[in-house]
Protein backbone atom coordinates (compact mmCIF):
# COMPACT_ATOMS: atom_id res chain seq x y z
CA MET A 1 58.85 33.27 184.54
CA ALA A 2 56.66 31.59 187.93
CA MET A 3 53.29 31.75 187.53
CA PRO A 4 50.33 31.12 189.84
CA ALA A 5 48.46 27.85 188.40
CA GLU A 6 44.98 29.52 188.10
CA SER A 7 43.25 25.91 187.96
CA MET A 8 43.73 26.13 191.58
CA SER A 9 40.34 27.73 193.25
CA HIS A 10 41.65 26.91 197.08
CA LEU A 11 44.37 27.38 199.02
CA LEU A 12 46.75 24.18 199.50
CA THR A 13 48.63 23.01 201.89
CA ALA A 14 52.47 21.90 202.05
CA GLU A 15 50.99 18.38 202.74
CA GLU A 16 49.11 18.80 199.30
CA LEU A 17 52.08 20.09 197.39
CA GLU A 18 53.81 16.80 197.99
CA ARG A 19 51.12 15.07 195.80
CA VAL A 20 51.01 17.55 193.02
CA ASP A 21 53.21 16.44 189.90
CA ILE A 22 53.31 18.50 186.84
CA PRO A 23 55.83 16.81 184.54
CA GLY A 24 58.45 18.75 183.41
CA LYS A 25 57.88 21.69 186.16
CA SER A 26 59.09 22.90 189.46
CA THR A 27 56.55 23.87 192.10
CA GLU A 28 56.64 25.77 195.38
CA LEU A 29 53.92 26.97 197.42
CA LEU A 30 53.35 30.91 197.78
CA ARG A 31 51.05 31.56 200.80
CA GLY A 32 48.87 28.85 199.71
CA ARG A 33 49.11 29.53 195.83
CA LEU A 34 50.84 27.04 193.55
CA VAL A 35 53.74 28.27 191.71
CA VAL A 36 54.75 26.64 188.74
CA ARG A 37 58.05 27.14 186.95
CA GLU A 38 59.84 25.96 184.04
CA PRO A 39 62.93 23.67 184.90
CA PRO A 40 66.03 25.84 185.39
CA SER A 41 68.37 26.11 182.51
CA THR A 42 71.38 23.70 182.28
CA ARG A 43 73.96 26.53 183.14
CA HIS A 44 72.13 27.28 186.42
CA GLY A 45 71.93 23.34 187.08
CA ALA A 46 75.70 23.26 186.74
CA VAL A 47 76.15 26.03 189.02
CA ALA A 48 73.99 24.55 191.37
CA GLY A 49 75.74 21.40 191.39
CA ARG A 50 79.29 23.13 191.64
CA LEU A 51 78.29 25.28 194.71
CA ALA A 52 76.62 21.99 196.28
CA TYR A 53 79.98 20.01 195.72
CA LEU A 54 82.28 22.87 197.17
CA LEU A 55 79.87 23.38 200.11
CA GLY A 56 79.42 19.44 200.50
CA HIS A 57 83.09 18.88 200.65
CA HIS A 58 83.64 21.42 203.21
CA VAL A 59 80.31 20.92 205.43
CA TYR A 60 80.88 17.05 205.70
CA SER A 61 84.50 16.62 206.17
CA ARG A 62 83.86 18.81 209.13
CA ASP A 63 80.27 17.29 210.07
CA LEU A 64 78.91 20.56 210.13
CA GLY A 65 75.28 19.52 209.01
CA VAL A 66 73.60 18.67 205.64
CA VAL A 67 73.53 20.15 202.20
CA CYS A 68 70.62 20.31 200.33
CA GLY A 69 69.87 20.87 196.14
CA GLU A 70 66.70 22.01 195.14
CA THR A 71 64.66 21.16 198.40
CA GLY A 72 61.27 22.39 199.61
CA PHE A 73 61.28 23.98 203.14
CA LYS A 74 58.10 25.17 204.26
CA ILE A 75 58.66 28.71 205.85
CA GLU A 76 54.93 30.10 206.58
CA SER A 77 52.09 28.38 208.00
CA ASP A 78 48.03 29.18 207.66
CA PRO A 79 48.62 29.62 204.45
CA ASP A 80 51.58 27.71 203.84
CA THR A 81 54.44 28.88 201.79
CA VAL A 82 57.01 26.14 200.60
CA ARG A 83 60.11 27.64 198.91
CA ALA A 84 62.93 25.60 197.23
CA PRO A 85 66.31 26.98 197.40
CA ASP A 86 68.78 26.13 194.53
CA VAL A 87 71.10 24.94 197.46
CA ALA A 88 70.59 25.03 200.98
CA PHE A 89 72.73 24.39 204.36
CA VAL A 90 71.42 23.05 207.41
CA ARG A 91 73.48 22.95 210.37
CA ARG A 92 74.17 19.18 212.36
CA ASP A 93 71.91 20.30 215.55
CA GLN A 94 68.90 21.06 213.34
CA ALA A 95 69.64 18.14 210.37
CA ASP A 96 67.34 15.60 212.65
CA ARG A 97 64.41 17.54 212.28
CA ILE A 98 64.28 17.14 208.42
CA PRO A 99 61.46 14.59 208.26
CA PRO A 100 61.81 11.38 206.23
CA ARG A 101 58.85 12.69 203.95
CA GLY A 102 57.59 16.04 203.36
CA TYR A 103 59.18 19.39 203.90
CA ALA A 104 61.32 20.39 206.82
CA ASP A 105 59.00 23.09 209.02
CA PHE A 106 61.82 25.50 209.39
CA ALA A 107 63.98 27.71 207.04
CA PRO A 108 67.67 26.42 206.40
CA ASP A 109 70.67 28.33 207.85
CA LEU A 110 71.98 29.38 204.36
CA ALA A 111 69.81 29.48 201.29
CA VAL A 112 71.44 30.09 197.87
CA GLU A 113 69.12 31.47 194.87
CA ILE A 114 70.81 31.42 191.72
CA VAL A 115 69.46 33.94 189.09
CA SER A 116 67.94 32.53 185.94
CA PRO A 117 67.65 34.96 182.64
CA GLY A 118 63.72 35.25 183.34
CA ASP A 119 63.84 36.03 186.94
CA ARG A 120 62.54 39.22 187.95
CA PRO A 121 64.28 41.61 190.55
CA GLY A 122 61.12 42.12 192.76
CA GLU A 123 60.38 38.33 192.91
CA LEU A 124 64.27 37.62 194.26
CA LEU A 125 63.89 40.52 196.57
CA THR A 126 60.48 38.81 197.95
CA LYS A 127 62.54 35.30 198.16
CA VAL A 128 65.21 36.91 200.21
CA GLY A 129 62.90 38.49 202.49
CA GLN A 130 61.14 35.31 203.11
CA TRP A 131 64.15 33.54 203.64
CA LEU A 132 65.59 35.94 206.39
CA ASP A 133 62.05 36.40 207.93
CA ALA A 134 61.58 32.68 208.33
CA GLY A 135 65.19 32.71 210.28
CA THR A 136 67.60 31.80 207.37
CA LYS A 137 70.96 33.56 208.53
CA LEU A 138 72.68 33.88 205.34
CA VAL A 139 71.19 34.44 201.52
CA TRP A 140 73.39 34.09 198.66
CA VAL A 141 71.95 35.31 195.41
CA ILE A 142 74.47 34.50 192.59
CA ASP A 143 73.74 36.19 189.27
CA PRO A 144 75.79 33.92 186.57
CA GLU A 145 75.38 36.24 183.85
CA ARG A 146 76.64 39.04 185.98
CA ALA A 147 79.54 37.41 187.36
CA GLU A 148 78.58 38.63 190.97
CA ALA A 149 76.57 37.62 194.18
CA ARG A 150 74.78 39.54 196.64
CA VAL A 151 74.83 38.19 200.29
CA HIS A 152 71.83 39.16 202.33
CA ARG A 153 72.84 38.68 206.11
CA ASP A 154 70.20 38.54 208.78
CA ASP A 155 71.39 41.62 210.63
CA GLY A 156 70.20 43.57 206.96
CA GLU A 157 73.79 43.66 205.73
CA LEU A 158 74.11 43.40 202.09
CA THR A 159 77.64 42.69 200.44
CA ILE A 160 78.31 42.40 196.25
CA ILE A 161 80.76 40.03 195.57
CA THR A 162 82.21 40.73 191.98
CA ALA A 163 83.90 38.01 189.47
CA GLY A 164 87.41 38.31 191.49
CA GLY A 165 85.68 38.11 195.10
CA SER A 166 85.07 35.35 197.45
CA LEU A 167 81.80 33.96 198.91
CA ALA A 168 82.43 33.73 202.79
CA GLY A 169 80.12 31.31 205.10
CA ASP A 170 80.90 32.87 208.59
CA PRO A 171 79.40 32.63 211.10
CA VAL A 172 76.77 30.00 209.35
CA LEU A 173 79.64 27.76 207.65
CA PRO A 174 82.97 28.42 209.92
CA GLY A 175 85.82 28.57 208.00
CA PHE A 176 84.04 28.15 204.40
CA THR A 177 85.34 30.65 201.84
CA CYS A 178 85.29 30.02 197.75
CA ALA A 179 86.08 32.32 195.12
CA LEU A 180 83.27 33.39 193.37
CA SER A 181 85.00 32.64 189.77
CA GLU A 182 85.38 28.94 191.16
CA VAL A 183 81.52 28.54 191.87
CA LEU A 184 80.94 29.74 188.03
CA ARG A 185 83.59 27.99 186.15
């Protein structure tokens, strides 16, 4: 479960977040407030790694852009919000905007959130809304426990993919399809 750090009395910036180091924890910034989380479970990491591999194979063999794993993106300013999807895709024409240090100041084209057992539905919907509001075209919320995925598109469309279904990347990732069972295996 995410908890704002109570010891922070002022709003942080994305630049200040870069210097925050809490051993064994994951951090994000939500409208200037530090959010500290426990590291994801091993199963969570395995699903993220598998999906990053499958996406990466498609993306890099076609020179479509960059696949990122648990990387921060600054998606709001003044106060700053830095979110880190479990997996993200940035198309090639945007990839050169990724700075050598710090956080990209734009949203990825695809953001993937993998549900952890302690995640609350409202928090996940907030993240989805933030991604879409920031310009993300496609958000996948993958729930390994339920063996389903919710696909949110920037036009408001929501599709639920069940265990026997497939994730499709069009139009963000042309030609990418993958059985959900392949991601979850």
